[in-house]
Amino acid sequence: MEKMNLFFRILLYTMAALNRRYYNVDEDKLEPFKAYETGKLLEGNGDPASPDYNSLADYYVNEETGVIEVRLPWLLLSAKDPSQKEFQGDIMADGLDATVKVEDITIGATYLDDKDQVLYQAPSKTYTWDNWNVPLTAERLKASYSIIQETFGK
């Protein structure tokens, strides 16, 4: 498979936008189509033990250590079955069921300011992993568990 250095923004439209504009009764106004860029990452701390924890965070920059931690969902990388290294193939050429098996993926990162000027561009790295049949998991109770338990336990 040919490697490309192109990047295309992907916009995800909210449910209301799939059909048409809609009238918001609570605010007495007509709502337009709404979309967000799926690849625009949210900065924040993904460590549940941290006081500034944000479960929606995609990346965290540790200024002290110079480490950037990134958490990306497999779907954002077009993975169909990451356990077997199966990704979305060329749907234009091969249709919606197109798949491609890979041995590795190459990851690069660019940090932009508010005006889309490049502040930092990290060198690309190649990443691979062992196939799996059963994923490794670790369960934990979310911070809101006790609140829900108390509310519905009555």
Foldseek 3Di string as FASTA:
>chain_A
DDDDPDDDWDKDWDPCQVVAWAADPVVRDIGHIDIDTPPPFAEFDCDLVDPGHDVRHAWYQDPVVRDIDGHDDVVVVQAPAVLQQKGADDCVVVNRVHIDHDQWDKDWDFDADPVRDTPDTDDIDIDGDHRDDDDDDDDDDHPCVVVVCVVPVD
